[in-house]
């Protein structure tokens, strides 16, 4: 299966190559903002190793691909698995996902099963819900189970310098479809 990797997205991801967690989170927001400008969903994600090396990136392609599962996090997971030639992102060096927004319930499940070790998210799920997106029930108990069963850690204290609500504002201004 081919995983779309548009040049604009890869260029934005590369700007954070070797960067700090905050810089990687900023670039996930930049990808989400550009995705919204281009008529895609207002979400972006980057998968990187502990040194900040970019493994993969993703943006929301639900409408363009006519695929309800092509959220930014899943796009990034698919690209990372393709790049590493493995269905298990936990098989090698620990990887972190930097997401422009907290994951919806579907993306939470994909992250759980992917083997990723950490996730840092910029905007709260409520920001997506305020725009009209339905994120589903991702509870504190689910995060606790993910940590216990899979070692998946929700990284706290990583703060972006970019406004995490910017992708939603751009999407709203462009009259983006809510799905």
Foldseek 3Di string as FASTA:
>chain_A
DDQDDDPVLVVLQVVQAQHDLQSNLQSQQVSLQVCLVVQFHNKKKFKAAPRRHTQFIFDGCCVVVVNPLRHGLVSRLVSNCVSVVHQAPQPDGAMEMRMLEDAAPSSLVSCLRSLHQEYEYEHYVVLVVVLPEHRYDDDPVNQVVSCVPRNYYYDPDRYHPDDSNNSVVSNVVVVHDHD
